[in-house]
N, C-alpha and C. Protein backbone atom coordinates (compact mmCIF):
# COMPACT_ATOMS: atom_id res chain seq x y z
N UNK A 1 29.64 -66.70 56.05
CA UNK A 1 29.04 -67.12 55.43
C UNK A 1 27.99 -67.92 56.68
N UNK A 2 29.11 -67.74 58.40
CA UNK A 2 28.79 -68.20 59.43
C UNK A 2 27.10 -66.99 60.08
N UNK A 3 27.43 -65.33 59.42
CA UNK A 3 26.70 -65.02 60.11
C UNK A 3 25.11 -65.36 59.63
N UNK A 4 24.92 -66.71 58.67
CA UNK A 4 23.47 -66.55 58.26
C UNK A 4 23.62 -67.41 58.86
N UNK A 5 24.23 -67.93 59.27
CA UNK A 5 23.70 -69.58 61.02
C UNK A 5 23.53 -68.22 62.43
N UNK A 6 23.77 -67.40 62.50
CA UNK A 6 23.90 -66.61 63.09
C UNK A 6 23.17 -66.17 63.91
N UNK A 7 22.61 -65.70 62.59
CA UNK A 7 21.23 -64.52 62.30
C UNK A 7 19.90 -65.60 62.84
N UNK A 8 19.72 -67.05 62.48
CA UNK A 8 18.87 -67.55 63.08
C UNK A 8 18.98 -68.43 64.17
N UNK A 9 20.30 -68.30 64.86
CA UNK A 9 20.29 -68.33 66.08
C UNK A 9 19.46 -67.44 67.07
N UNK A 10 19.81 -65.96 66.47
CA UNK A 10 19.39 -65.30 67.57
C UNK A 10 17.82 -64.47 67.45
N UNK A 11 16.89 -64.85 66.36
CA UNK A 11 16.49 -65.54 65.47
C UNK A 11 15.43 -66.39 66.09
N UNK A 12 15.82 -67.49 66.45
CA UNK A 12 15.47 -68.65 67.03
C UNK A 12 15.21 -68.59 68.53
N UNK A 13 16.26 -67.73 69.07
CA UNK A 13 15.97 -67.13 71.08
C UNK A 13 15.32 -66.70 70.98
N UNK A 14 15.48 -65.19 70.56
CA UNK A 14 14.31 -63.98 70.81
C UNK A 14 12.91 -64.74 70.35
N UNK A 15 12.53 -65.68 69.25
CA UNK A 15 10.88 -66.41 69.57
C UNK A 15 10.94 -66.83 70.55
N UNK A 16 11.42 -67.96 71.21
CA UNK A 16 11.06 -68.15 72.61
C UNK A 16 11.16 -67.33 73.75
N UNK A 17 11.99 -66.60 73.93
CA UNK A 17 11.52 -65.41 74.44
C UNK A 17 10.52 -64.62 74.04
N UNK A 18 9.87 -64.68 73.29
CA UNK A 18 8.84 -63.46 72.57
C UNK A 18 7.41 -64.30 72.98
N UNK A 19 6.63 -64.96 73.36
CA UNK A 19 5.74 -65.58 74.18
C UNK A 19 5.01 -65.72 72.45
N UNK A 20 5.26 -65.58 71.34
CA UNK A 20 3.99 -65.01 69.96
C UNK A 20 3.86 -63.93 70.07
N UNK A 21 4.81 -62.79 71.27
CA UNK A 21 4.15 -61.82 71.03
C UNK A 21 5.81 -61.06 69.78
N UNK A 22 4.66 -59.60 68.49
CA UNK A 22 5.64 -59.18 67.86
C UNK A 22 7.15 -58.33 68.68
N UNK A 23 8.37 -58.93 67.70
CA UNK A 23 9.17 -57.94 68.17
C UNK A 23 10.09 -56.86 67.66
N UNK A 24 10.35 -55.83 68.45
CA UNK A 24 10.66 -54.46 67.47
C UNK A 24 11.53 -54.25 68.08
N UNK A 25 12.49 -55.29 68.94
CA UNK A 25 13.99 -54.65 68.84
C UNK A 25 14.87 -56.04 69.74
N UNK A 26 15.77 -56.34 69.19
CA UNK A 26 16.72 -57.53 69.79
C UNK A 26 17.92 -57.24 70.08
N UNK A 27 18.36 -57.19 71.23
CA UNK A 27 19.56 -56.21 71.38
C UNK A 27 20.59 -57.11 71.27
N UNK A 28 21.99 -57.47 70.90
CA UNK A 28 22.79 -58.47 70.40
C UNK A 28 24.43 -57.59 71.69
N UNK A 29 24.99 -58.80 72.02
CA UNK A 29 26.53 -57.92 72.43
C UNK A 29 27.60 -58.94 71.29
N UNK A 30 28.03 -58.47 70.80
CA UNK A 30 28.86 -58.83 69.45
C UNK A 30 30.32 -58.20 69.73
N UNK A 31 31.32 -59.64 70.81
CA UNK A 31 32.60 -59.39 70.66
C UNK A 31 33.61 -59.42 69.56
N UNK A 32 34.64 -58.75 69.37
CA UNK A 32 35.56 -58.03 68.30
C UNK A 32 36.44 -59.73 67.81
N UNK A 33 36.37 -60.72 68.83
CA UNK A 33 36.73 -62.17 68.28
C UNK A 33 36.02 -62.87 67.67
N UNK A 34 34.56 -62.41 67.20
CA UNK A 34 33.99 -63.64 66.74
C UNK A 34 33.86 -63.52 65.56
N UNK A 35 34.37 -62.83 64.46
CA UNK A 35 34.92 -62.26 63.73
C UNK A 35 32.91 -61.78 62.77
N UNK A 36 32.52 -61.76 63.13
CA UNK A 36 31.43 -61.75 62.87
C UNK A 36 31.65 -60.23 62.69
N UNK A 37 30.97 -60.18 60.94
CA UNK A 37 30.64 -59.27 60.57
C UNK A 37 29.35 -58.23 60.33
N UNK A 38 29.54 -57.47 60.98
CA UNK A 38 28.30 -56.80 61.20
C UNK A 38 26.78 -56.27 60.26
N UNK A 39 27.08 -56.35 59.23
CA UNK A 39 26.69 -55.58 57.76
C UNK A 39 26.00 -57.28 57.38
N UNK A 40 26.25 -57.76 57.42
CA UNK A 40 25.94 -58.73 56.27
C UNK A 40 24.41 -60.09 57.55
N UNK A 41 25.67 -59.66 59.46
CA UNK A 41 24.72 -60.30 60.67
C UNK A 41 22.65 -59.54 60.39
N UNK A 42 23.02 -58.65 59.96
CA UNK A 42 22.07 -57.73 59.78
C UNK A 42 21.49 -57.92 58.72
N UNK A 43 21.78 -58.48 57.78
CA UNK A 43 21.41 -58.47 56.38
C UNK A 43 20.03 -60.39 56.40
N UNK A 44 21.06 -61.30 57.36
CA UNK A 44 20.27 -62.33 57.36
C UNK A 44 19.90 -62.07 58.31
N UNK A 45 19.80 -61.35 59.19
CA UNK A 45 18.41 -61.07 60.53
C UNK A 45 16.73 -60.76 59.91
N UNK A 46 17.01 -60.06 59.33
CA UNK A 46 15.58 -60.05 58.78
C UNK A 46 15.37 -60.54 57.56
N UNK A 47 16.54 -61.50 57.38
CA UNK A 47 15.69 -62.78 55.38
C UNK A 47 15.72 -63.90 57.06
N UNK A 48 16.73 -63.97 57.73
CA UNK A 48 15.49 -64.88 58.88
C UNK A 48 14.03 -64.86 59.51
N UNK A 49 14.55 -63.40 60.05
CA UNK A 49 13.06 -63.16 61.08
C UNK A 49 11.90 -62.89 59.98
N UNK A 50 12.26 -62.97 58.43
CA UNK A 50 11.16 -62.46 57.61
C UNK A 50 9.20 -64.60 58.32
N UNK A 51 8.49 -63.23 58.25
CA UNK A 51 7.36 -64.23 58.32
C UNK A 51 7.10 -64.48 60.16
N UNK A 52 8.30 -64.02 60.94
CA UNK A 52 7.87 -64.36 62.09
C UNK A 52 7.91 -63.45 63.04
N UNK A 53 7.73 -64.14 64.65
CA UNK A 53 7.24 -62.72 65.60
C UNK A 53 8.65 -61.50 65.54
N UNK A 54 9.94 -61.65 65.02
CA UNK A 54 10.92 -60.88 64.11
C UNK A 54 10.74 -60.26 62.78
N UNK A 55 9.74 -60.68 62.55
CA UNK A 55 9.91 -59.86 61.86
C UNK A 55 9.46 -57.89 61.30
N UNK A 56 10.14 -57.38 61.20
CA UNK A 56 10.84 -55.78 61.16
C UNK A 56 11.04 -55.02 62.35
N UNK A 57 11.37 -56.63 62.93
CA UNK A 57 12.35 -55.93 64.51
C UNK A 57 13.44 -55.48 63.80
N UNK A 58 14.02 -54.86 64.52
CA UNK A 58 14.91 -53.83 64.73
C UNK A 58 16.36 -54.80 65.07
N UNK A 59 17.97 -55.08 64.62
CA UNK A 59 18.36 -56.14 65.49
C UNK A 59 19.15 -55.13 65.54
N UNK A 60 19.90 -54.23 67.43
CA UNK A 60 20.63 -53.39 67.57
C UNK A 60 21.74 -54.17 68.56
N UNK A 61 23.15 -53.91 67.68
CA UNK A 61 24.17 -54.65 67.89
C UNK A 61 25.60 -54.09 69.14
N UNK A 62 25.59 -54.02 70.15
CA UNK A 62 26.42 -53.51 71.02
C UNK A 62 28.18 -54.54 70.60
N UNK A 63 28.84 -53.46 70.04
CA UNK A 63 30.24 -54.17 69.16
C UNK A 63 31.38 -54.07 70.95
N UNK A 64 31.46 -55.01 71.41
CA UNK A 64 32.61 -55.36 72.48
C UNK A 64 34.39 -55.16 71.37
N UNK A 65 34.65 -54.36 72.54
CA UNK A 65 36.11 -54.88 71.74
C UNK A 65 36.86 -55.10 72.77
N UNK A 66 38.42 -56.16 72.02
CA UNK A 66 38.89 -56.71 72.73
C UNK A 66 39.84 -56.90 73.98
N UNK A 67 39.55 -57.28 74.73
CA UNK A 67 39.83 -57.02 75.62
C UNK A 67 41.31 -58.39 75.91
N UNK A 68 42.50 -57.91 76.50
CA UNK A 68 43.08 -58.83 76.59
C UNK A 68 44.46 -58.65 77.84
N UNK A 69 44.40 -60.12 78.82
CA UNK A 69 45.02 -59.68 80.47
C UNK A 69 46.70 -60.57 79.79
N UNK A 70 48.00 -59.54 80.52
CA UNK A 70 49.28 -60.72 79.88
C UNK A 70 48.86 -61.88 81.67
N UNK A 71 49.69 -62.92 82.09
CA UNK A 71 49.48 -63.71 83.43
C UNK A 71 50.33 -63.49 83.98
N UNK A 72 51.93 -63.16 82.89
CA UNK A 72 52.79 -62.35 83.01
C UNK A 72 52.94 -60.94 83.94
N UNK A 73 52.76 -60.39 84.31
CA UNK A 73 53.61 -58.89 84.25
C UNK A 73 51.62 -58.08 84.36
N UNK A 74 50.64 -58.57 83.97
CA UNK A 74 49.01 -58.26 84.62
C UNK A 74 48.81 -56.49 83.27
N UNK A 75 49.48 -56.91 82.75
CA UNK A 75 49.87 -55.39 81.67
C UNK A 75 47.71 -55.45 81.00
N UNK A 76 47.18 -54.34 80.94
CA UNK A 76 45.64 -55.25 80.18
C UNK A 76 45.74 -54.03 78.78
N UNK A 77 45.13 -54.45 77.78
CA UNK A 77 45.47 -53.74 76.73
C UNK A 77 44.34 -54.85 75.57
N UNK A 78 43.91 -53.18 74.93
CA UNK A 78 43.41 -54.22 73.08
C UNK A 78 44.58 -54.29 73.13
N UNK A 79 44.05 -55.78 71.83
CA UNK A 79 44.91 -56.19 71.49
C UNK A 79 44.93 -55.42 69.79
N UNK A 80 46.35 -55.65 68.99
CA UNK A 80 46.33 -54.75 67.56
C UNK A 80 46.87 -56.49 67.22
N UNK A 81 45.97 -56.37 65.85
CA UNK A 81 45.80 -57.46 64.95
C UNK A 81 47.34 -57.36 64.28
N UNK A 82 48.03 -58.79 64.16
CA UNK A 82 47.53 -59.92 64.77
C UNK A 82 47.65 -60.81 66.06
N UNK A 83 48.59 -58.87 66.82
CA UNK A 83 49.20 -59.77 68.21
C UNK A 83 49.07 -59.54 69.27
N UNK A 84 48.95 -61.07 69.62
CA UNK A 84 48.23 -61.48 70.81
C UNK A 84 49.31 -61.04 72.12
N UNK A 85 50.60 -60.70 71.88
CA UNK A 85 51.36 -60.50 72.82
C UNK A 85 51.45 -59.69 73.63
N UNK A 86 51.71 -59.69 74.92
CA UNK A 86 51.65 -58.24 75.93
C UNK A 86 52.58 -57.21 75.66
N UNK A 87 52.24 -56.06 75.18
CA UNK A 87 53.08 -54.60 75.37
C UNK A 87 54.02 -54.80 75.62
N UNK A 88 54.34 -55.33 76.76
CA UNK A 88 55.17 -54.30 78.02
C UNK A 88 55.90 -56.02 78.50
N UNK A 89 56.23 -57.02 78.51
CA UNK A 89 56.91 -58.62 78.28
C UNK A 89 57.42 -59.04 77.53
N UNK A 90 55.79 -58.99 76.12
CA UNK A 90 56.58 -59.40 75.22
C UNK A 90 55.79 -61.91 75.49
N UNK A 91 55.37 -61.71 76.73
CA UNK A 91 54.48 -62.94 76.94
C UNK A 91 53.28 -63.37 76.12
N UNK A 92 53.14 -64.23 76.01
CA UNK A 92 51.69 -65.03 74.78
C UNK A 92 51.22 -65.43 76.21
N UNK A 93 51.45 -65.29 76.64
CA UNK A 93 50.70 -66.00 78.61
C UNK A 93 49.30 -64.67 78.92
N UNK A 94 48.14 -64.42 77.79
CA UNK A 94 47.27 -64.15 77.85
C UNK A 94 46.02 -64.88 78.08
N UNK A 95 45.56 -63.68 79.20
CA UNK A 95 44.22 -64.30 79.15
C UNK A 95 42.67 -63.26 78.47
N UNK A 96 41.82 -63.65 77.57
CA UNK A 96 40.81 -62.90 77.01
C UNK A 96 39.82 -62.10 78.45
N UNK A 97 40.14 -61.18 78.33
CA UNK A 97 39.42 -60.10 79.32
C UNK A 97 37.82 -60.77 78.45
N UNK A 98 37.83 -59.44 77.48
CA UNK A 98 36.02 -59.61 76.73
C UNK A 98 36.85 -59.35 75.35
N UNK A 99 35.32 -59.36 74.58
CA UNK A 99 36.25 -59.01 73.05
C UNK A 99 35.10 -61.45 72.52
N UNK A 100 35.00 -61.89 73.49
CA UNK A 100 34.21 -63.18 72.72
C UNK A 100 32.78 -63.12 73.14
N UNK A 101 31.75 -62.42 73.02
CA UNK A 101 30.29 -61.99 73.08
C UNK A 101 29.63 -62.46 72.25
N UNK A 102 28.59 -62.93 72.15
CA UNK A 102 27.77 -64.10 71.51
C UNK A 102 26.31 -63.48 71.97
N UNK A 103 25.64 -62.89 72.45
CA UNK A 103 24.49 -63.34 73.53
C UNK A 103 23.17 -62.22 73.16
N UNK A 104 22.25 -62.85 73.25
CA UNK A 104 21.00 -61.58 72.92
C UNK A 104 20.81 -61.24 74.69
N UNK A 105 21.28 -60.13 74.48
CA UNK A 105 21.10 -59.37 75.53
C UNK A 105 19.87 -58.92 76.09
N UNK A 106 18.80 -59.09 75.67
CA UNK A 106 17.18 -58.62 75.65
C UNK A 106 16.60 -58.53 74.20
N UNK A 107 15.04 -58.45 74.32
CA UNK A 107 14.52 -58.00 73.44
C UNK A 107 13.35 -56.92 73.91
N UNK A 108 12.58 -56.21 72.72
CA UNK A 108 11.77 -55.56 73.11
C UNK A 108 10.30 -56.59 72.30
N UNK A 109 9.22 -56.15 73.02
CA UNK A 109 7.93 -57.07 72.65
C UNK A 109 7.23 -55.91 72.12
N UNK A 110 5.77 -56.14 71.44
CA UNK A 110 4.87 -54.92 71.58
C UNK A 110 3.85 -55.77 72.04
N UNK A 111 3.55 -55.28 72.86
CA UNK A 111 1.82 -56.01 73.12
C UNK A 111 0.51 -55.45 72.50
N UNK A 112 0.10 -56.59 72.40
CA UNK A 112 -1.81 -56.43 71.82
C UNK A 112 -2.06 -55.28 71.72
N UNK A 113 -3.16 -54.42 72.06
CA UNK A 113 -4.40 -54.00 72.24
C UNK A 113 -5.04 -54.60 73.25
N UNK A 114 -5.45 -54.00 75.08
CA UNK A 114 -6.87 -55.72 75.20
C UNK A 114 -5.69 -56.67 75.90
N UNK A 115 -4.13 -56.56 75.56
CA UNK A 115 -4.27 -57.92 76.09
C UNK A 115 -4.13 -57.92 78.04
N UNK A 116 -3.91 -56.16 78.26
CA UNK A 116 -3.76 -56.25 79.74
C UNK A 116 -4.52 -57.32 80.42
N UNK A 117 -4.10 -58.16 81.07
CA UNK A 117 -5.39 -58.85 82.20
C UNK A 117 -5.08 -58.42 83.54
N UNK A 118 -4.60 -57.64 84.18
CA UNK A 118 -4.59 -57.00 85.57
C UNK A 118 -5.88 -56.67 86.14
N UNK A 119 -6.46 -56.96 87.35
CA UNK A 119 -7.12 -56.99 87.43
C UNK A 119 -8.19 -55.55 87.77
N UNK A 120 -9.16 -55.30 88.05
CA UNK A 120 -9.68 -53.62 88.02
C UNK A 120 -9.86 -53.69 89.07
């Protein structure tokens, strides 16, 4: 159910940066270690976005696979669940290289007709 609070934060971030303009796309990088389920996140995004600048915006999710590195032997790998031990030396002294991302990467906004203010 934490997807609802994440969707709210995503919409709030997009709205802050949209400057009142309608948002057409919100792109989010989502790491596999965040334990966020994409389909409920999409559903809650649509619910939270209603009657805001993000109404009818498309949520574009880029899922980032978890990637670890063993601090003992330097091996890098994508972990199989639920083990976080090095496949080479069995050490549990590992560093997360990727998979913790949860960030709005960019938004696309629609400019209203006649919004150009460049001098002629």
